[in-house]
Amino acid sequence: MAVVYILLVLFLAVFVAGFVLLVLGAINFNFSNSDIPPGVDQPVKLRILHICLICTAVVGKILENIGICSQLSFMRYIQDRTAALGDPKLLIKNLRFEKVPVRIYQPKVPPASQRRGVMLFHGGGWVLGSLELYEHICCFIARESESVVVSVGYRLAPEHKYPAAYEDCLNATIHFMKNTEHYGVDPANVIVCGDSAGGNLAAAVCHTLAGRSDLPKLRAQILIYPGLQALDFNLPSYQQNRRVPFLHRKHAAFYVLQYLNGNSSHMQEVLEGSHIPLDIKLNYRKWLSPDNIPEKFKVQGYKPHVLLDCTTEVFEKVKRFCEPTLSPLLAEDAVIRQLPESFILTCEYDVLRDDGLLYKKRLEDNGVPVTWCHLEDGFHGIINLLSNHVLSFPAAKRGADNIV
């Protein structure tokens, strides 16, 4: 019996040691394929957070390989467990708007007049993110701006493909705009807001509602490092920040493919730009050209990309990338001219930086007032670290204060 016990202990020790070595090897591989730019404030903090993210992804992949759960399920589980919940100054309720789960944040202090309403769509590449993960951001905005914030728990990919997330955000927003009196909100002062994929959804919803005559006009759109197009993954910011946490260039392509059809088999074509026919790319060149990006953002690490054509087979799989509800940068000028006042936040060390810069130019060219906040020491996802205690960043607070 003692021999069996010893063998069992040895087996477990070898298994644990092997597991640890496997995790450490995967972490080292992923970490060596990432860059921490020298211009980031407090780079050590970013390294620590990046290692935590890699650990979660690696352990999730191992659990998936041995049949316990999917990597995605594990990552969603961990992100929700690390979320900060509640705020004593707010009333927080879980409801459903047109079958879409929402969480409403209302200041407890009685208002002097009707409040502002903010529809908030979380980020996460249409694949991650949740009401729980974004609670601290919603609490901050509701508390500091004395607004009613509605956080939308839209359906996630790849289980629910495009346009599920967009439809959920649109339907929830329309429901709220028709029922603002129930929440003490001024119907003429409703804003759509989102970060990353949520910024994409906010822009798409704003475009759709701009042409509606049966609803009050949206007061503004707030877009926080939004992803606004899927035609060109070789813009200057994609080249310069291709390996910067928390959003690598290849991850950006992977996420949008997951949202589109749950299939990343054509990721290489998307990355090299051979997924869209040349004539279509040339047609949109007037809006997507790197020439529209200020020169100071192209000084280092950028080489003009050769335009490639694509096969009919590949384009058939990804042609919906050209729909403005997925790529808001491709909306016609007639739609852009109807948009409300806009706020755009970009980060220097972010692959999506140039999406924001290109959209800013399109809005300004069409007479839409734009407030632009650029975090020169910021990186993708930094606003999520607003209340991250010792691992928070000064740029996160600056950005959040600008949003408020």
Protein backbone atom coordinates (compact mmCIF):
# COMPACT_ATOMS: atom_id res chain seq x y z
CA MET A 1 0.00 0.00 0.00
CA ALA A 2 2.85 2.34 0.87
CA VAL A 3 4.42 1.71 -2.53
CA VAL A 4 1.17 2.63 -4.30
CA TYR A 5 0.92 5.81 -2.24
CA ILE A 6 4.51 6.77 -3.09
CA LEU A 7 3.93 6.11 -6.79
CA LEU A 8 0.77 8.20 -6.71
CA VAL A 9 2.60 11.09 -5.07
CA LEU A 10 5.41 10.83 -7.60
CA PHE A 11 2.92 10.76 -10.47
CA LEU A 12 1.16 13.87 -9.16
CA ALA A 13 4.49 15.62 -8.62
CA VAL A 14 5.60 14.84 -12.17
CA PHE A 15 2.20 15.92 -13.53
CA VAL A 16 2.26 19.21 -11.63
CA ALA A 17 5.88 19.86 -12.63
CA GLY A 18 5.08 19.11 -16.25
CA PHE A 19 2.01 21.33 -16.13
CA VAL A 20 4.02 24.20 -14.64
CA LEU A 21 6.80 23.79 -17.22
CA LEU A 22 4.23 23.73 -20.02
CA VAL A 23 2.59 26.90 -18.72
CA LEU A 24 5.94 28.64 -18.23
CA GLY A 25 7.06 27.65 -21.73
CA ALA A 26 3.87 28.98 -23.27
CA ILE A 27 4.10 32.18 -21.24
CA ASN A 28 7.71 32.71 -22.32
CA PHE A 29 6.76 32.17 -25.98
CA ASN A 30 3.84 34.60 -25.83
CA PHE A 31 5.78 37.17 -23.82
CA SER A 32 8.77 37.07 -26.19
CA ASN A 33 6.37 37.86 -29.04
CA SER A 34 5.16 41.07 -27.37
CA ASP A 35 6.59 44.59 -27.13
CA ILE A 36 6.31 47.10 -24.29
CA PRO A 37 6.91 50.53 -25.89
CA PRO A 38 9.35 52.82 -24.04
CA GLY A 39 6.79 55.63 -24.12
CA VAL A 40 4.32 53.76 -21.90
CA ASP A 41 4.12 55.19 -18.39
CA GLN A 42 5.00 52.55 -15.76
CA PRO A 43 5.93 49.73 -18.18
CA VAL A 44 6.52 47.24 -15.34
CA LYS A 45 2.82 47.34 -14.47
CA LEU A 46 1.90 46.62 -18.07
CA ARG A 47 4.31 43.65 -18.09
CA ILE A 48 2.71 42.23 -14.94
CA LEU A 49 -0.82 42.61 -16.32
CA HIS A 50 0.24 41.12 -19.64
CA ILE A 51 1.72 38.08 -17.90
CA CYS A 52 -1.56 37.62 -15.97
CA LEU A 53 -3.48 37.73 -19.25
CA ILE A 54 -1.13 35.24 -20.91
CA CYS A 55 -1.41 32.90 -17.89
CA THR A 56 -5.19 32.95 -18.13
CA ALA A 57 -5.13 32.23 -21.87
CA VAL A 58 -2.52 29.45 -21.54
CA VAL A 59 -4.28 27.68 -18.66
CA GLY A 60 -7.55 28.01 -20.56
CA LYS A 61 -5.98 26.39 -23.63
CA ILE A 62 -4.61 23.51 -21.54
CA LEU A 63 -8.03 22.96 -19.95
CA GLU A 64 -9.54 22.95 -23.43
CA ASN A 65 -7.01 20.38 -24.70
CA ILE A 66 -7.75 17.98 -21.84
CA GLY A 67 -11.50 18.37 -22.32
CA ILE A 68 -12.49 20.24 -19.15
CA CYS A 69 -13.81 23.47 -20.70
CA SER A 70 -13.13 25.76 -23.65
CA GLN A 71 -10.42 28.39 -23.45
CA LEU A 72 -13.02 31.08 -24.10
CA SER A 73 -15.28 29.89 -21.28
CA PHE A 74 -12.36 29.88 -18.86
CA MET A 75 -11.26 33.40 -19.84
CA ARG A 76 -14.82 34.70 -19.46
CA TYR A 77 -15.10 33.01 -16.07
CA ILE A 78 -11.82 34.53 -14.80
CA GLN A 79 -12.61 38.04 -16.07
CA ASP A 80 -15.95 38.08 -14.24
CA ARG A 81 -14.37 36.83 -11.01
CA THR A 82 -11.92 39.75 -11.02
CA ALA A 83 -14.60 42.41 -11.52
CA ALA A 84 -15.32 45.02 -8.83
CA LEU A 85 -19.04 45.26 -8.02
CA GLY A 86 -21.29 47.91 -6.51
CA ASP A 87 -21.20 51.57 -5.49
CA PRO A 88 -23.00 52.92 -2.39
CA LYS A 89 -23.84 56.18 -4.18
CA LEU A 90 -25.79 54.44 -6.95
CA LEU A 91 -28.95 52.44 -7.43
CA ILE A 92 -28.11 49.44 -9.62
CA LYS A 93 -30.75 47.28 -11.28
CA ASN A 94 -30.67 44.33 -13.68
CA LEU A 95 -33.42 44.48 -16.31
CA ARG A 96 -34.15 43.40 -19.87
CA PHE A 97 -34.79 45.72 -22.78
CA GLU A 98 -36.38 43.81 -25.68
CA LYS A 99 -34.98 40.54 -24.26
CA VAL A 100 -31.49 42.08 -24.02
CA PRO A 101 -29.98 42.01 -20.49
CA VAL A 102 -29.04 45.47 -19.24
CA ARG A 103 -27.75 46.90 -15.97
CA ILE A 104 -28.90 50.39 -15.01
CA TYR A 105 -26.88 52.75 -12.79
CA GLN A 106 -28.75 55.71 -11.27
CA PRO A 107 -27.33 58.26 -8.80
CA LYS A 108 -29.19 58.13 -5.46
CA VAL A 109 -29.08 61.91 -5.03
CA PRO A 110 -32.36 63.43 -6.33
CA PRO A 111 -31.73 65.38 -9.55
CA ALA A 112 -32.50 69.07 -9.96
CA SER A 113 -33.82 68.30 -13.44
CA GLN A 114 -33.92 65.43 -15.92
CA ARG A 115 -30.64 63.56 -16.14
CA ARG A 116 -28.47 62.65 -19.07
CA GLY A 117 -28.73 59.05 -20.30
CA VAL A 118 -25.71 57.00 -21.44
CA MET A 119 -26.04 53.73 -23.34
CA LEU A 120 -22.74 51.90 -22.78
CA PHE A 121 -21.55 49.00 -24.94
CA HIS A 122 -18.59 47.11 -23.49
CA GLY A 123 -15.46 46.08 -25.37
CA GLY A 124 -13.82 42.68 -25.64
CA GLY A 125 -13.58 42.03 -29.37
CA TRP A 126 -17.27 41.02 -29.53
CA VAL A 127 -16.04 37.79 -27.87
CA LEU A 128 -15.17 38.78 -24.29
CA GLY A 129 -16.45 41.45 -21.92
CA SER A 130 -19.57 41.47 -19.72
CA LEU A 131 -21.80 43.56 -17.49
CA GLU A 132 -19.69 42.47 -14.51
CA LEU A 133 -16.35 43.37 -16.06
CA TYR A 134 -17.52 46.90 -16.92
CA GLU A 135 -19.28 47.65 -13.64
CA HIS A 136 -16.49 49.87 -12.30
CA ILE A 137 -16.44 51.98 -15.49
CA CYS A 138 -20.23 52.34 -15.48
CA CYS A 139 -20.17 53.30 -11.80
CA PHE A 140 -17.48 55.90 -12.44
CA ILE A 141 -19.36 57.52 -15.33
CA ALA A 142 -22.73 57.47 -13.55
CA ARG A 143 -21.28 58.85 -10.31
CA GLU A 144 -18.93 61.48 -11.72
CA SER A 145 -21.23 62.81 -14.46
CA GLU A 146 -24.47 62.31 -12.49
CA SER A 147 -25.92 60.39 -15.43
CA VAL A 148 -28.14 57.36 -15.81
CA VAL A 149 -25.92 54.70 -17.38
CA VAL A 150 -27.37 51.65 -19.14
CA SER A 151 -24.81 48.88 -19.66
CA VAL A 152 -25.86 46.46 -22.41
CA GLY A 153 -25.10 42.74 -22.14
CA TYR A 154 -25.24 41.98 -25.84
CA ARG A 155 -24.78 38.49 -27.25
CA LEU A 156 -21.18 37.44 -27.83
CA ALA A 157 -19.40 35.73 -30.72
CA PRO A 158 -18.65 33.12 -31.89
CA GLU A 159 -21.83 31.65 -30.40
CA HIS A 160 -23.79 34.59 -31.80
CA LYS A 161 -22.38 35.94 -35.03
CA TYR A 162 -22.77 39.32 -36.73
CA PRO A 163 -25.13 41.16 -36.61
CA ALA A 164 -26.35 39.78 -33.25
CA ALA A 165 -24.31 42.19 -31.07
CA TYR A 166 -25.26 45.18 -33.21
CA GLU A 167 -28.94 44.24 -33.17
CA ASP A 168 -28.95 43.84 -29.39
CA CYS A 169 -27.34 47.25 -28.86
CA LEU A 170 -29.68 48.90 -31.35
CA ASN A 171 -32.83 47.34 -29.88
CA ALA A 172 -31.81 48.17 -26.30
CA THR A 173 -31.07 51.79 -27.28
CA ILE A 174 -34.40 52.23 -29.08
CA HIS A 175 -36.25 50.77 -26.08
CA PHE A 176 -34.51 53.17 -23.72
CA MET A 177 -35.14 56.19 -25.96
CA LYS A 178 -38.86 55.34 -26.01
CA ASN A 179 -38.99 55.00 -22.21
CA THR A 180 -36.65 57.68 -20.88
CA GLU A 181 -39.36 59.14 -18.62
CA HIS A 182 -39.27 55.97 -16.49
CA TYR A 183 -35.66 56.72 -15.56
CA GLY A 184 -35.83 60.51 -15.19
CA VAL A 185 -33.79 61.02 -18.36
CA ASP A 186 -34.12 63.90 -20.82
CA PRO A 187 -35.07 62.28 -24.17
CA ALA A 188 -32.99 64.94 -25.98
CA ASN A 189 -29.89 64.09 -23.95
CA VAL A 190 -29.17 60.43 -24.67
CA ILE A 191 -25.60 59.42 -25.58
CA VAL A 192 -24.16 56.19 -26.99
CA CYS A 193 -20.75 55.18 -25.65
CA GLY A 194 -18.41 52.24 -26.13
CA ASP A 195 -14.78 51.17 -26.10
CA SER A 196 -12.99 48.99 -28.67
CA ALA A 197 -15.63 46.62 -30.10
CA GLY A 198 -18.15 48.58 -28.04
CA GLY A 199 -17.01 51.72 -29.85
CA ASN A 200 -17.70 49.94 -33.12
CA LEU A 201 -21.22 49.09 -31.91
CA ALA A 202 -21.83 52.63 -30.63
CA ALA A 203 -20.86 54.11 -34.00
CA ALA A 204 -23.01 51.60 -35.90
CA VAL A 205 -26.04 52.30 -33.67
CA CYS A 206 -25.48 56.04 -34.03
CA HIS A 207 -25.43 55.74 -37.82
CA THR A 208 -28.67 53.75 -37.87
CA LEU A 209 -30.52 56.14 -35.56
CA ALA A 210 -29.31 59.24 -37.41
CA GLY A 211 -31.89 58.59 -40.11
CA ARG A 212 -34.82 57.87 -37.75
CA SER A 213 -37.51 60.56 -37.63
CA ASP A 214 -39.69 58.72 -35.09
CA LEU A 215 -37.14 59.07 -32.25
CA PRO A 216 -35.37 62.00 -30.58
CA LYS A 217 -31.92 62.67 -32.00
CA LEU A 218 -28.99 61.25 -30.07
CA ARG A 219 -27.13 63.98 -28.21
CA ALA A 220 -23.63 62.57 -28.84
CA GLN A 221 -21.46 59.53 -29.42
CA ILE A 222 -18.44 58.69 -27.26
CA LEU A 223 -15.98 56.34 -28.95
CA ILE A 224 -13.08 55.01 -26.89
CA TYR A 225 -10.29 53.51 -29.05
CA PRO A 226 -12.93 52.13 -31.44
CA GLY A 227 -12.38 49.50 -34.13
CA LEU A 228 -14.16 50.94 -37.16
CA GLN A 229 -13.08 48.97 -40.21
CA ALA A 230 -11.90 45.50 -41.27
CA LEU A 231 -10.48 46.27 -44.72
CA ASP A 232 -6.95 47.42 -43.87
CA PHE A 233 -4.87 45.83 -41.11
CA ASN A 234 -1.69 47.51 -42.39
CA LEU A 235 -2.36 51.10 -41.41
CA PRO A 236 0.56 52.82 -39.62
CA SER A 237 -0.78 52.03 -36.13
CA TYR A 238 -1.23 48.36 -37.04
CA GLN A 239 2.40 48.18 -38.16
CA GLN A 240 3.87 50.21 -35.30
CA ASN A 241 1.92 48.52 -32.49
CA ARG A 242 1.51 45.04 -33.95
CA ARG A 243 2.84 43.33 -30.79
CA VAL A 244 1.79 45.79 -28.08
CA PRO A 245 -0.52 44.51 -25.31
CA PHE A 246 -3.39 44.20 -24.86
CA LEU A 247 -4.38 43.96 -28.53
CA HIS A 248 -1.93 42.48 -31.01
CA ARG A 249 -2.53 42.98 -34.71
CA LYS A 250 -3.28 39.30 -35.28
CA HIS A 251 -5.72 39.28 -32.35
CA ALA A 252 -7.63 42.21 -33.87
CA ALA A 253 -8.07 40.22 -37.09
CA PHE A 254 -9.03 37.09 -35.16
CA TYR A 255 -11.71 38.86 -33.13
CA VAL A 256 -13.40 40.51 -36.09
CA LEU A 257 -13.47 37.17 -37.93
CA GLN A 258 -15.03 35.54 -34.87
CA TYR A 259 -17.68 38.27 -34.87
CA LEU A 260 -18.31 37.93 -38.60
CA ASN A 261 -18.68 34.18 -38.95
CA GLY A 262 -16.88 32.40 -36.10
CA ASN A 263 -14.22 31.15 -38.51
CA SER A 264 -10.62 32.37 -38.56
CA SER A 265 -9.44 30.20 -41.45
CA HIS A 266 -8.82 33.27 -43.65
CA MET A 267 -6.92 35.27 -41.04
CA GLN A 268 -3.71 35.33 -43.08
CA GLU A 269 -5.52 36.85 -46.07
CA VAL A 270 -7.12 39.44 -43.79
CA LEU A 271 -3.77 40.38 -42.28
CA GLU A 272 -2.00 40.75 -45.64
CA GLY A 273 -4.96 42.56 -47.21
CA SER A 274 -5.87 39.95 -49.83
CA HIS A 275 -9.44 39.47 -48.59
CA ILE A 276 -11.07 42.42 -50.40
CA PRO A 277 -11.10 42.96 -54.21
CA LEU A 278 -8.81 45.70 -55.46
CA ASP A 279 -11.61 47.75 -57.01
CA ILE A 280 -13.53 47.87 -53.72
CA LYS A 281 -10.40 48.86 -51.80
CA LEU A 282 -9.67 51.63 -54.29
CA ASN A 283 -13.25 52.85 -53.96
CA TYR A 284 -12.84 53.23 -50.20
CA ARG A 285 -9.30 54.55 -50.47
CA LYS A 286 -10.60 58.12 -50.18
CA TRP A 287 -11.64 57.34 -46.58
CA LEU A 288 -9.10 54.68 -45.55
CA SER A 289 -5.90 56.00 -47.09
CA PRO A 290 -2.89 56.46 -44.78
CA ASP A 291 -2.59 59.85 -46.51
CA ASN A 292 -5.47 60.99 -44.30
CA ILE A 293 -3.43 60.29 -41.15
CA PRO A 294 -1.26 63.17 -39.84
CA GLU A 295 2.41 62.75 -40.72
CA LYS A 296 3.58 62.76 -37.10
CA PHE A 297 1.90 59.36 -36.66
CA LYS A 298 3.88 57.86 -39.57
CA VAL A 299 7.40 58.94 -38.68
CA GLN A 300 8.57 55.64 -37.20
CA GLY A 301 7.91 52.00 -38.01
CA TYR A 302 5.65 52.49 -41.03
CA LYS A 303 6.13 51.30 -44.59
CA PRO A 304 3.46 51.89 -47.26
CA HIS A 305 1.65 48.62 -47.96
CA VAL A 306 1.24 47.24 -51.48
CA LEU A 307 -2.45 46.75 -52.33
CA LEU A 308 -3.25 43.12 -53.11
CA ASP A 309 -6.21 41.62 -54.94
CA CYS A 310 -8.20 38.66 -53.66
CA THR A 311 -9.96 35.54 -54.86
CA THR A 312 -13.74 35.33 -55.24
CA GLU A 313 -13.78 32.43 -52.78
CA VAL A 314 -12.19 34.43 -49.96
CA PHE A 315 -14.28 37.55 -50.60
CA GLU A 316 -17.50 35.53 -50.48
CA LYS A 317 -16.62 34.53 -46.92
CA VAL A 318 -15.83 38.07 -45.69
CA LYS A 319 -17.79 40.42 -47.98
CA ARG A 320 -19.95 41.62 -45.08
CA PHE A 321 -16.86 43.43 -43.80
CA CYS A 322 -17.93 46.12 -46.26
CA GLU A 323 -21.25 46.74 -44.49
CA PRO A 324 -21.25 50.04 -42.53
CA THR A 325 -22.90 48.33 -39.55
CA LEU A 326 -19.69 46.29 -39.22
CA SER A 327 -17.26 48.88 -40.61
CA PRO A 328 -18.73 52.32 -39.73
CA LEU A 329 -15.83 54.09 -41.47
CA LEU A 330 -17.43 53.01 -44.77
CA ALA A 331 -20.72 54.86 -44.24
CA GLU A 332 -21.70 57.34 -46.95
CA ASP A 333 -21.20 61.06 -46.43
CA ALA A 334 -24.98 61.58 -46.33
CA VAL A 335 -25.09 59.45 -43.16
CA ILE A 336 -21.95 60.96 -41.60
CA ARG A 337 -23.36 64.49 -42.00
CA GLN A 338 -26.36 63.58 -39.83
CA LEU A 339 -24.30 62.37 -36.88
CA PRO A 340 -24.32 64.19 -33.53
CA GLU A 341 -21.43 65.81 -31.70
CA SER A 342 -18.71 63.23 -31.15
CA PHE A 343 -15.94 62.46 -28.67
CA ILE A 344 -13.09 60.17 -29.77
CA LEU A 345 -10.35 58.84 -27.51
CA THR A 346 -7.25 57.28 -29.07
CA CYS A 347 -4.05 55.84 -27.62
CA GLU A 348 -0.61 56.17 -29.15
CA TYR A 349 0.35 52.53 -28.57
CA ASP A 350 -2.79 50.92 -29.99
CA VAL A 351 -3.35 49.11 -33.29
CA LEU A 352 -6.78 50.81 -33.48
CA ARG A 353 -5.37 54.32 -33.14
CA ASP A 354 -5.66 55.10 -36.85
CA ASP A 355 -9.26 53.90 -37.08
CA GLY A 356 -10.07 56.69 -34.63
CA LEU A 357 -7.94 59.23 -36.51
CA LEU A 358 -9.54 58.38 -39.86
CA TYR A 359 -13.04 58.61 -38.39
CA LYS A 360 -12.20 61.93 -36.74
CA LYS A 361 -11.22 63.33 -40.14
CA ARG A 362 -14.38 61.98 -41.80
CA LEU A 363 -16.57 63.60 -39.16
CA GLU A 364 -14.75 66.93 -39.34
CA ASP A 365 -14.83 66.93 -43.16
CA ASN A 366 -18.62 66.57 -42.94
CA GLY A 367 -19.12 69.35 -40.40
CA VAL A 368 -19.62 67.19 -37.29
CA PRO A 369 -18.13 68.75 -34.12
CA VAL A 370 -15.44 66.46 -32.68
CA THR A 371 -13.64 66.50 -29.33
CA TRP A 372 -10.47 64.43 -29.56
CA CYS A 373 -8.54 63.07 -26.59
CA HIS A 374 -5.23 61.39 -27.40
CA LEU A 375 -3.31 59.55 -24.67
CA GLU A 376 0.31 59.75 -25.79
CA ASP A 377 1.35 57.21 -23.15
CA GLY A 378 -1.78 55.08 -23.53
CA PHE A 379 -2.34 51.57 -24.88
CA HIS A 380 -5.39 49.56 -25.88
CA GLY A 381 -7.71 48.74 -23.00
CA ILE A 382 -6.20 51.25 -20.58
CA ILE A 383 -9.57 52.68 -19.46
CA ASN A 384 -10.46 49.23 -18.08
CA LEU A 385 -7.60 49.70 -15.61
CA LEU A 386 -9.15 52.82 -14.09
CA SER A 387 -9.83 51.20 -10.69
CA ASN A 388 -7.11 48.55 -10.73
CA HIS A 389 -5.60 49.70 -7.42
CA VAL A 390 -1.78 49.39 -7.41
CA LEU A 391 -1.85 48.31 -11.07
CA SER A 392 -3.74 51.37 -12.30
CA PHE A 393 -2.26 53.95 -14.69
CA PRO A 394 -2.39 57.78 -14.54
CA ALA A 395 -3.40 57.84 -18.23
CA ALA A 396 -6.50 55.76 -17.41
CA LYS A 397 -7.69 58.44 -14.98
CA ARG A 398 -6.92 61.24 -17.46
CA GLY A 399 -8.88 59.45 -20.17
CA ALA A 400 -11.83 58.68 -17.89
CA ASP A 401 -11.96 62.29 -16.67
CA ASN A 402 -12.06 63.48 -20.28
CA ILE A 403 -14.90 61.08 -21.03
CA VAL A 404 -16.88 62.44 -18.06
